[in-house]
N, C-alpha and C. Protein backbone atom coordinates (compact mmCIF):
# COMPACT_ATOMS: atom_id res chain seq x y z
N MET A 1 25.67 -10.36 13.04
CA MET A 1 26.14 -9.48 14.10
C MET A 1 25.17 -8.32 14.24
N LYS A 2 24.70 -8.11 15.46
CA LYS A 2 23.77 -7.02 15.72
C LYS A 2 24.53 -5.76 16.08
N THR A 3 24.02 -4.64 15.58
CA THR A 3 24.59 -3.35 15.94
C THR A 3 23.58 -2.60 16.78
N ASN A 4 24.06 -1.74 17.63
CA ASN A 4 23.20 -0.96 18.51
C ASN A 4 22.86 0.35 17.82
N ASN A 5 21.62 0.50 17.42
CA ASN A 5 21.18 1.71 16.71
C ASN A 5 20.55 2.74 17.62
N TYR A 6 20.47 2.46 18.91
CA TYR A 6 19.79 3.38 19.83
C TYR A 6 20.41 4.77 19.88
N PRO A 7 21.72 4.94 19.87
CA PRO A 7 22.27 6.31 19.89
C PRO A 7 21.86 7.10 18.64
N MET A 8 21.86 6.46 17.47
CA MET A 8 21.49 7.15 16.24
C MET A 8 20.00 7.51 16.26
N ILE A 9 19.16 6.58 16.72
CA ILE A 9 17.72 6.83 16.80
C ILE A 9 17.45 7.97 17.77
N THR A 10 18.14 7.99 18.90
CA THR A 10 17.97 9.05 19.89
C THR A 10 18.38 10.39 19.31
N LEU A 11 19.50 10.43 18.61
CA LEU A 11 19.97 11.67 18.00
C LEU A 11 18.99 12.20 16.97
N VAL A 12 18.54 11.36 16.07
CA VAL A 12 17.61 11.78 15.03
C VAL A 12 16.29 12.24 15.64
N THR A 13 15.79 11.52 16.62
CA THR A 13 14.55 11.90 17.30
C THR A 13 14.69 13.25 17.98
N THR A 14 15.80 13.48 18.66
CA THR A 14 16.05 14.76 19.33
C THR A 14 16.09 15.89 18.33
N ILE A 15 16.77 15.71 17.23
CA ILE A 15 16.86 16.75 16.20
C ILE A 15 15.48 17.06 15.62
N LEU A 16 14.69 16.02 15.35
CA LEU A 16 13.35 16.23 14.79
C LEU A 16 12.43 16.94 15.78
N LEU A 17 12.60 16.69 17.06
CA LEU A 17 11.76 17.33 18.06
C LEU A 17 12.08 18.82 18.22
N LEU A 18 13.25 19.23 17.79
CA LEU A 18 13.64 20.64 17.89
C LEU A 18 12.99 21.52 16.82
N PHE A 19 12.56 20.92 15.72
CA PHE A 19 11.92 21.68 14.66
C PHE A 19 10.45 21.90 14.99
N PRO A 20 9.95 23.12 14.76
CA PRO A 20 8.53 23.37 15.04
C PRO A 20 7.65 22.66 14.00
N ALA A 21 6.51 22.18 14.46
CA ALA A 21 5.57 21.49 13.57
C ALA A 21 4.68 22.50 12.87
N ALA A 22 4.35 22.21 11.65
CA ALA A 22 3.41 23.03 10.90
C ALA A 22 2.08 22.30 10.84
N ASN A 23 1.07 22.99 10.37
CA ASN A 23 -0.23 22.35 10.22
C ASN A 23 -0.15 21.26 9.17
N ALA A 24 -0.72 20.12 9.48
CA ALA A 24 -0.80 19.01 8.54
C ALA A 24 -2.27 18.66 8.39
N TRP A 25 -2.88 19.19 7.37
CA TRP A 25 -4.32 18.99 7.19
C TRP A 25 -4.58 17.61 6.61
N ALA A 26 -5.55 16.91 7.17
CA ALA A 26 -5.87 15.56 6.71
C ALA A 26 -6.56 15.61 5.35
N LEU A 27 -7.37 16.61 5.15
CA LEU A 27 -8.09 16.74 3.88
C LEU A 27 -7.55 17.95 3.13
N GLN A 28 -7.32 17.76 1.87
CA GLN A 28 -6.86 18.85 1.04
C GLN A 28 -7.86 19.05 -0.08
N PRO A 29 -8.82 19.94 0.10
CA PRO A 29 -9.86 20.09 -0.92
C PRO A 29 -9.30 20.69 -2.20
N HIS A 30 -9.87 20.27 -3.28
CA HIS A 30 -9.50 20.78 -4.59
C HIS A 30 -10.72 21.44 -5.19
N GLY A 31 -10.52 22.19 -6.23
CA GLY A 31 -11.63 22.88 -6.87
C GLY A 31 -12.68 21.92 -7.39
N GLU A 32 -13.90 22.38 -7.37
CA GLU A 32 -15.01 21.56 -7.89
C GLU A 32 -14.96 21.57 -9.40
N PRO A 33 -15.38 20.59 -10.08
CA PRO A 33 -15.70 19.26 -9.60
C PRO A 33 -14.53 18.30 -9.75
N GLU A 34 -13.37 18.80 -10.20
CA GLU A 34 -12.24 17.91 -10.51
C GLU A 34 -11.77 17.11 -9.30
N GLY A 35 -11.76 17.72 -8.12
CA GLY A 35 -11.31 17.02 -6.92
C GLY A 35 -12.15 15.79 -6.63
N LEU A 36 -13.46 15.93 -6.78
CA LEU A 36 -14.35 14.80 -6.55
C LEU A 36 -14.15 13.73 -7.61
N TYR A 37 -13.95 14.14 -8.86
CA TYR A 37 -13.74 13.15 -9.93
C TYR A 37 -12.50 12.30 -9.65
N VAL A 38 -11.42 12.96 -9.29
CA VAL A 38 -10.17 12.24 -9.01
C VAL A 38 -10.35 11.34 -7.80
N HIS A 39 -11.03 11.82 -6.79
CA HIS A 39 -11.26 11.03 -5.58
C HIS A 39 -12.10 9.79 -5.90
N GLN A 40 -13.13 9.96 -6.71
CA GLN A 40 -13.97 8.83 -7.08
C GLN A 40 -13.19 7.83 -7.95
N MET A 41 -12.36 8.34 -8.83
CA MET A 41 -11.52 7.45 -9.64
C MET A 41 -10.56 6.66 -8.74
N ALA A 42 -10.07 7.29 -7.68
CA ALA A 42 -9.19 6.60 -6.75
C ALA A 42 -9.93 5.46 -6.05
N HIS A 43 -11.20 5.68 -5.70
CA HIS A 43 -11.99 4.59 -5.12
C HIS A 43 -12.11 3.42 -6.10
N ILE A 44 -12.34 3.72 -7.35
CA ILE A 44 -12.48 2.67 -8.37
C ILE A 44 -11.17 1.92 -8.54
N LEU A 45 -10.06 2.64 -8.63
CA LEU A 45 -8.75 1.99 -8.78
C LEU A 45 -8.42 1.15 -7.54
N PHE A 46 -8.75 1.66 -6.37
CA PHE A 46 -8.51 0.92 -5.13
C PHE A 46 -9.32 -0.38 -5.12
N MET A 47 -10.57 -0.31 -5.58
CA MET A 47 -11.39 -1.53 -5.66
C MET A 47 -10.77 -2.53 -6.62
N GLY A 48 -10.24 -2.03 -7.74
CA GLY A 48 -9.57 -2.92 -8.69
C GLY A 48 -8.35 -3.58 -8.08
N ALA A 49 -7.56 -2.82 -7.33
CA ALA A 49 -6.37 -3.37 -6.69
C ALA A 49 -6.75 -4.41 -5.64
N LEU A 50 -7.78 -4.13 -4.86
CA LEU A 50 -8.24 -5.10 -3.86
C LEU A 50 -8.76 -6.37 -4.51
N THR A 51 -9.47 -6.21 -5.62
CA THR A 51 -9.99 -7.37 -6.35
C THR A 51 -8.84 -8.23 -6.85
N TYR A 52 -7.82 -7.59 -7.42
CA TYR A 52 -6.67 -8.35 -7.92
C TYR A 52 -5.94 -9.07 -6.76
N LEU A 53 -5.74 -8.35 -5.65
CA LEU A 53 -5.05 -8.95 -4.51
C LEU A 53 -5.82 -10.15 -3.97
N TYR A 54 -7.14 -10.01 -3.86
CA TYR A 54 -7.97 -11.13 -3.40
C TYR A 54 -7.86 -12.30 -4.37
N TRP A 55 -8.02 -12.00 -5.66
CA TRP A 55 -7.99 -13.04 -6.70
C TRP A 55 -6.64 -13.76 -6.70
N HIS A 56 -5.56 -12.99 -6.63
CA HIS A 56 -4.21 -13.58 -6.67
C HIS A 56 -3.97 -14.47 -5.45
N THR A 57 -4.32 -13.99 -4.26
CA THR A 57 -4.08 -14.79 -3.06
C THR A 57 -5.01 -15.99 -2.99
N ARG A 58 -6.15 -15.90 -3.62
CA ARG A 58 -7.10 -17.03 -3.63
C ARG A 58 -6.62 -18.14 -4.57
N LEU A 59 -6.04 -17.76 -5.71
CA LEU A 59 -5.63 -18.74 -6.71
C LEU A 59 -4.26 -19.34 -6.46
N THR A 60 -3.42 -18.68 -5.68
CA THR A 60 -2.09 -19.19 -5.39
C THR A 60 -2.20 -20.23 -4.29
N THR A 61 -1.89 -21.47 -4.62
CA THR A 61 -2.11 -22.58 -3.69
C THR A 61 -1.21 -22.53 -2.47
N SER A 62 -0.06 -21.88 -2.56
CA SER A 62 0.85 -21.85 -1.41
C SER A 62 0.43 -20.80 -0.37
N LEU A 63 -0.54 -19.98 -0.69
CA LEU A 63 -0.96 -18.91 0.22
C LEU A 63 -2.24 -19.31 0.95
N THR A 64 -2.12 -20.27 1.86
CA THR A 64 -3.31 -20.79 2.53
C THR A 64 -3.28 -20.61 4.04
N SER A 65 -2.30 -19.93 4.57
CA SER A 65 -2.20 -19.79 6.03
C SER A 65 -3.28 -18.84 6.55
N LYS A 66 -3.37 -18.78 7.87
CA LYS A 66 -4.33 -17.92 8.54
C LYS A 66 -4.14 -16.46 8.13
N GLY A 67 -2.90 -16.04 7.99
CA GLY A 67 -2.61 -14.66 7.60
C GLY A 67 -3.18 -14.30 6.25
N TRP A 68 -3.07 -15.22 5.30
CA TRP A 68 -3.61 -14.96 3.96
C TRP A 68 -5.13 -14.94 3.97
N ARG A 69 -5.75 -15.78 4.81
CA ARG A 69 -7.22 -15.75 4.91
C ARG A 69 -7.69 -14.40 5.45
N TYR A 70 -7.01 -13.90 6.48
CA TYR A 70 -7.38 -12.59 7.02
C TYR A 70 -7.10 -11.47 6.02
N LEU A 71 -6.07 -11.62 5.21
CA LEU A 71 -5.81 -10.61 4.19
C LEU A 71 -6.94 -10.60 3.15
N ARG A 72 -7.45 -11.78 2.81
CA ARG A 72 -8.58 -11.84 1.87
C ARG A 72 -9.84 -11.23 2.50
N ILE A 73 -10.05 -11.45 3.79
CA ILE A 73 -11.19 -10.82 4.47
C ILE A 73 -11.04 -9.31 4.42
N PHE A 74 -9.83 -8.82 4.66
CA PHE A 74 -9.55 -7.39 4.55
C PHE A 74 -9.91 -6.87 3.17
N CYS A 75 -9.51 -7.59 2.13
CA CYS A 75 -9.80 -7.16 0.75
C CYS A 75 -11.31 -7.07 0.50
N VAL A 76 -12.04 -8.07 0.94
CA VAL A 76 -13.49 -8.08 0.72
C VAL A 76 -14.16 -6.92 1.46
N LEU A 77 -13.82 -6.76 2.73
CA LEU A 77 -14.45 -5.69 3.52
C LEU A 77 -14.11 -4.32 2.97
N LEU A 78 -12.85 -4.11 2.59
CA LEU A 78 -12.47 -2.81 2.07
C LEU A 78 -13.05 -2.57 0.67
N PHE A 79 -13.26 -3.63 -0.09
CA PHE A 79 -13.92 -3.49 -1.39
C PHE A 79 -15.34 -2.94 -1.18
N PHE A 80 -16.08 -3.54 -0.26
CA PHE A 80 -17.44 -3.06 0.00
C PHE A 80 -17.43 -1.68 0.66
N TRP A 81 -16.41 -1.40 1.47
CA TRP A 81 -16.29 -0.05 2.03
C TRP A 81 -16.12 0.97 0.92
N ASN A 82 -15.33 0.66 -0.09
CA ASN A 82 -15.15 1.57 -1.21
C ASN A 82 -16.45 1.83 -1.94
N ILE A 83 -17.26 0.80 -2.10
CA ILE A 83 -18.57 0.98 -2.76
C ILE A 83 -19.44 1.92 -1.92
N ILE A 84 -19.45 1.70 -0.61
CA ILE A 84 -20.25 2.56 0.26
C ILE A 84 -19.72 3.99 0.24
N ALA A 85 -18.40 4.16 0.32
CA ALA A 85 -17.81 5.50 0.31
C ALA A 85 -18.08 6.20 -1.02
N PHE A 86 -17.93 5.48 -2.12
CA PHE A 86 -18.20 6.04 -3.45
C PHE A 86 -19.64 6.53 -3.54
N THR A 87 -20.56 5.69 -3.12
CA THR A 87 -21.98 6.04 -3.17
C THR A 87 -22.28 7.20 -2.22
N GLY A 88 -21.67 7.18 -1.04
CA GLY A 88 -21.86 8.27 -0.08
C GLY A 88 -21.39 9.61 -0.62
N HIS A 89 -20.29 9.62 -1.35
CA HIS A 89 -19.81 10.87 -1.96
C HIS A 89 -20.83 11.37 -2.99
N GLU A 90 -21.39 10.46 -3.76
CA GLU A 90 -22.39 10.86 -4.76
C GLU A 90 -23.64 11.43 -4.10
N PHE A 91 -24.05 10.84 -2.99
CA PHE A 91 -25.21 11.36 -2.27
C PHE A 91 -24.89 12.72 -1.66
N ALA A 92 -23.70 12.88 -1.12
CA ALA A 92 -23.32 14.14 -0.46
C ALA A 92 -23.34 15.31 -1.42
N VAL A 93 -22.99 15.07 -2.67
CA VAL A 93 -22.97 16.14 -3.67
C VAL A 93 -24.38 16.67 -3.91
N ARG A 94 -25.36 15.82 -3.75
CA ARG A 94 -26.74 16.19 -4.05
C ARG A 94 -27.45 16.82 -2.86
N LEU A 95 -26.78 16.92 -1.72
CA LEU A 95 -27.36 17.59 -0.56
C LEU A 95 -26.86 19.03 -0.51
N THR A 96 -27.67 19.92 0.05
CA THR A 96 -27.29 21.32 0.18
C THR A 96 -27.05 21.65 1.65
N SER A 97 -26.58 22.85 1.90
CA SER A 97 -26.35 23.26 3.29
C SER A 97 -27.66 23.38 4.05
N ASP A 98 -28.79 23.54 3.34
CA ASP A 98 -30.09 23.60 4.01
C ASP A 98 -30.51 22.24 4.56
N ASP A 99 -29.86 21.17 4.12
CA ASP A 99 -30.19 19.83 4.58
C ASP A 99 -29.51 19.47 5.90
N PHE A 100 -28.73 20.40 6.46
CA PHE A 100 -27.99 20.13 7.69
C PHE A 100 -28.23 21.22 8.73
N ILE A 101 -28.06 20.84 9.99
CA ILE A 101 -28.12 21.77 11.12
C ILE A 101 -26.74 21.76 11.77
N ASP A 102 -26.26 22.93 12.17
CA ASP A 102 -24.95 23.08 12.84
C ASP A 102 -23.81 22.52 11.98
N ILE A 103 -23.72 22.97 10.75
CA ILE A 103 -22.69 22.49 9.83
C ILE A 103 -21.30 22.84 10.37
N GLY A 104 -20.39 21.87 10.28
CA GLY A 104 -19.00 22.06 10.67
C GLY A 104 -18.75 21.94 12.16
N THR A 105 -19.73 21.49 12.93
CA THR A 105 -19.54 21.30 14.36
C THR A 105 -19.71 19.82 14.70
N TRP A 106 -19.45 19.48 15.94
CA TRP A 106 -19.63 18.10 16.39
C TRP A 106 -21.12 17.75 16.48
N ASP A 107 -21.97 18.77 16.49
CA ASP A 107 -23.42 18.56 16.59
C ASP A 107 -24.11 18.56 15.23
N GLU A 108 -23.34 18.50 14.15
CA GLU A 108 -23.94 18.53 12.82
C GLU A 108 -24.89 17.35 12.65
N ARG A 109 -26.07 17.64 12.10
CA ARG A 109 -27.06 16.59 11.89
C ARG A 109 -27.96 16.97 10.72
N LEU A 110 -28.72 16.00 10.27
CA LEU A 110 -29.63 16.23 9.15
C LEU A 110 -30.82 17.06 9.62
N ALA A 111 -31.25 17.98 8.76
CA ALA A 111 -32.39 18.82 9.08
C ALA A 111 -33.68 18.15 8.62
N PRO A 112 -34.76 18.34 9.39
CA PRO A 112 -36.03 17.78 8.95
C PRO A 112 -36.53 18.52 7.71
N PRO A 113 -37.34 17.96 6.92
CA PRO A 113 -37.93 16.63 7.01
C PRO A 113 -36.93 15.57 6.56
N ILE A 114 -36.94 14.44 7.25
CA ILE A 114 -36.05 13.34 6.92
C ILE A 114 -36.69 12.54 5.78
N THR A 115 -36.01 12.55 4.66
CA THR A 115 -36.51 11.85 3.48
C THR A 115 -35.78 10.52 3.33
N VAL A 116 -36.24 9.73 2.37
CA VAL A 116 -35.57 8.45 2.08
C VAL A 116 -34.13 8.73 1.64
N PHE A 117 -33.93 9.76 0.82
CA PHE A 117 -32.60 10.13 0.34
C PHE A 117 -31.68 10.46 1.51
N LYS A 118 -32.16 11.26 2.46
CA LYS A 118 -31.35 11.64 3.62
C LYS A 118 -31.07 10.42 4.51
N THR A 119 -32.02 9.52 4.62
CA THR A 119 -31.83 8.31 5.43
C THR A 119 -30.74 7.43 4.81
N ILE A 120 -30.78 7.26 3.50
CA ILE A 120 -29.74 6.47 2.83
C ILE A 120 -28.38 7.14 3.03
N TYR A 121 -28.33 8.47 2.87
CA TYR A 121 -27.08 9.20 3.07
C TYR A 121 -26.55 8.97 4.49
N PHE A 122 -27.45 9.01 5.49
CA PHE A 122 -27.07 8.80 6.88
C PHE A 122 -26.40 7.44 7.07
N PHE A 123 -26.99 6.40 6.49
CA PHE A 123 -26.40 5.06 6.63
C PHE A 123 -25.11 4.92 5.82
N LEU A 124 -25.01 5.61 4.70
CA LEU A 124 -23.76 5.57 3.92
C LEU A 124 -22.62 6.25 4.67
N LYS A 125 -22.92 7.20 5.53
CA LYS A 125 -21.88 7.88 6.31
C LYS A 125 -21.32 6.99 7.41
N MET A 126 -21.96 5.86 7.68
CA MET A 126 -21.48 4.93 8.70
C MET A 126 -20.54 3.90 8.09
N ASP A 127 -19.68 4.34 7.20
CA ASP A 127 -18.76 3.43 6.52
C ASP A 127 -17.74 2.80 7.46
N HIS A 128 -17.57 3.39 8.64
CA HIS A 128 -16.62 2.82 9.60
C HIS A 128 -17.06 1.43 10.08
N VAL A 129 -18.33 1.09 9.88
CA VAL A 129 -18.82 -0.23 10.27
C VAL A 129 -18.09 -1.31 9.47
N LEU A 130 -17.67 -1.00 8.26
CA LEU A 130 -16.87 -1.94 7.46
C LEU A 130 -15.38 -1.63 7.56
N ASN A 131 -15.04 -0.37 7.68
CA ASN A 131 -13.64 0.03 7.66
C ASN A 131 -12.88 -0.48 8.88
N VAL A 132 -13.45 -0.37 10.05
CA VAL A 132 -12.76 -0.80 11.27
C VAL A 132 -12.52 -2.31 11.29
N PRO A 133 -13.54 -3.15 10.99
CA PRO A 133 -13.25 -4.59 10.93
C PRO A 133 -12.23 -4.94 9.84
N ALA A 134 -12.25 -4.20 8.72
CA ALA A 134 -11.26 -4.46 7.67
C ALA A 134 -9.86 -4.20 8.18
N LEU A 135 -9.67 -3.10 8.87
CA LEU A 135 -8.34 -2.79 9.40
C LEU A 135 -7.94 -3.76 10.50
N LEU A 136 -8.90 -4.25 11.26
CA LEU A 136 -8.60 -5.27 12.25
C LEU A 136 -8.13 -6.57 11.57
N ALA A 137 -8.81 -6.94 10.48
CA ALA A 137 -8.40 -8.13 9.73
C ALA A 137 -6.99 -7.94 9.17
N LEU A 138 -6.69 -6.74 8.68
CA LEU A 138 -5.34 -6.46 8.17
C LEU A 138 -4.32 -6.58 9.30
N PHE A 139 -4.64 -6.05 10.46
CA PHE A 139 -3.73 -6.14 11.60
C PHE A 139 -3.46 -7.59 11.97
N ILE A 140 -4.52 -8.39 12.06
CA ILE A 140 -4.36 -9.80 12.42
C ILE A 140 -3.53 -10.51 11.36
N SER A 141 -3.77 -10.17 10.10
CA SER A 141 -3.02 -10.78 9.01
C SER A 141 -1.52 -10.46 9.13
N LEU A 142 -1.20 -9.19 9.32
CA LEU A 142 0.20 -8.79 9.41
C LEU A 142 0.87 -9.37 10.66
N ARG A 143 0.12 -9.42 11.75
CA ARG A 143 0.67 -10.01 12.97
C ARG A 143 0.98 -11.50 12.77
N THR A 144 0.07 -12.18 12.06
CA THR A 144 0.28 -13.60 11.77
C THR A 144 1.51 -13.79 10.89
N PHE A 145 1.65 -12.95 9.87
CA PHE A 145 2.85 -13.03 9.00
C PHE A 145 4.11 -12.82 9.82
N TYR A 146 4.07 -11.86 10.74
CA TYR A 146 5.23 -11.58 11.58
C TYR A 146 5.61 -12.80 12.42
N HIS A 147 4.60 -13.39 13.07
CA HIS A 147 4.88 -14.55 13.92
C HIS A 147 5.39 -15.74 13.10
N GLU A 148 4.84 -15.93 11.91
CA GLU A 148 5.31 -17.03 11.05
C GLU A 148 6.75 -16.80 10.62
N ALA A 149 7.08 -15.57 10.26
CA ALA A 149 8.45 -15.26 9.84
C ALA A 149 9.41 -15.41 11.02
N ARG A 150 8.97 -15.02 12.20
CA ARG A 150 9.81 -15.15 13.39
C ARG A 150 10.07 -16.62 13.72
N GLU A 151 9.03 -17.45 13.60
CA GLU A 151 9.21 -18.89 13.84
C GLU A 151 10.18 -19.49 12.84
N GLU A 152 10.04 -19.10 11.57
CA GLU A 152 10.95 -19.60 10.53
C GLU A 152 12.39 -19.23 10.84
N ARG A 153 12.58 -17.98 11.27
CA ARG A 153 13.93 -17.51 11.55
C ARG A 153 14.53 -18.24 12.74
N GLU A 154 13.71 -18.52 13.75
CA GLU A 154 14.22 -19.21 14.94
C GLU A 154 14.53 -20.67 14.63
N ASN A 155 13.84 -21.26 13.66
CA ASN A 155 14.07 -22.66 13.30
C ASN A 155 15.28 -22.85 12.38
N GLU A 156 15.83 -21.76 11.88
CA GLU A 156 16.99 -21.88 10.98
C GLU A 156 18.24 -22.23 11.72
């Protein structure tokens, strides 16, 4: 039996909209160097979790659908993204404010002379090249799981 939750959802949404919003900062810096250490450890732990998830879904014979394949692609791409992000953080620590022009603006860029170190840092900052396809693979995977579950439910 289905119940109509729209009145409750409308009421809760209206109440939440009446409260003023506060600042929600995406980044919360911590004191040096502990914040970076914890952040880097999180990258390592995340890589371990992705490795386990990939390994588990690869070895389980019943997990062979399209959704599971896309989930494994997500794990691989995000694993390599973590390596790039980890390395990029290490490179960023070794750069100074003199290595940048217009710091903190949309026009921020590397200051000349462009060295091999700065070039590597520049390419490491393009981690979205792996992150976006990984999230797309995750989306396709979850959408596939949803459609499979919906088909199962309709066939019952």
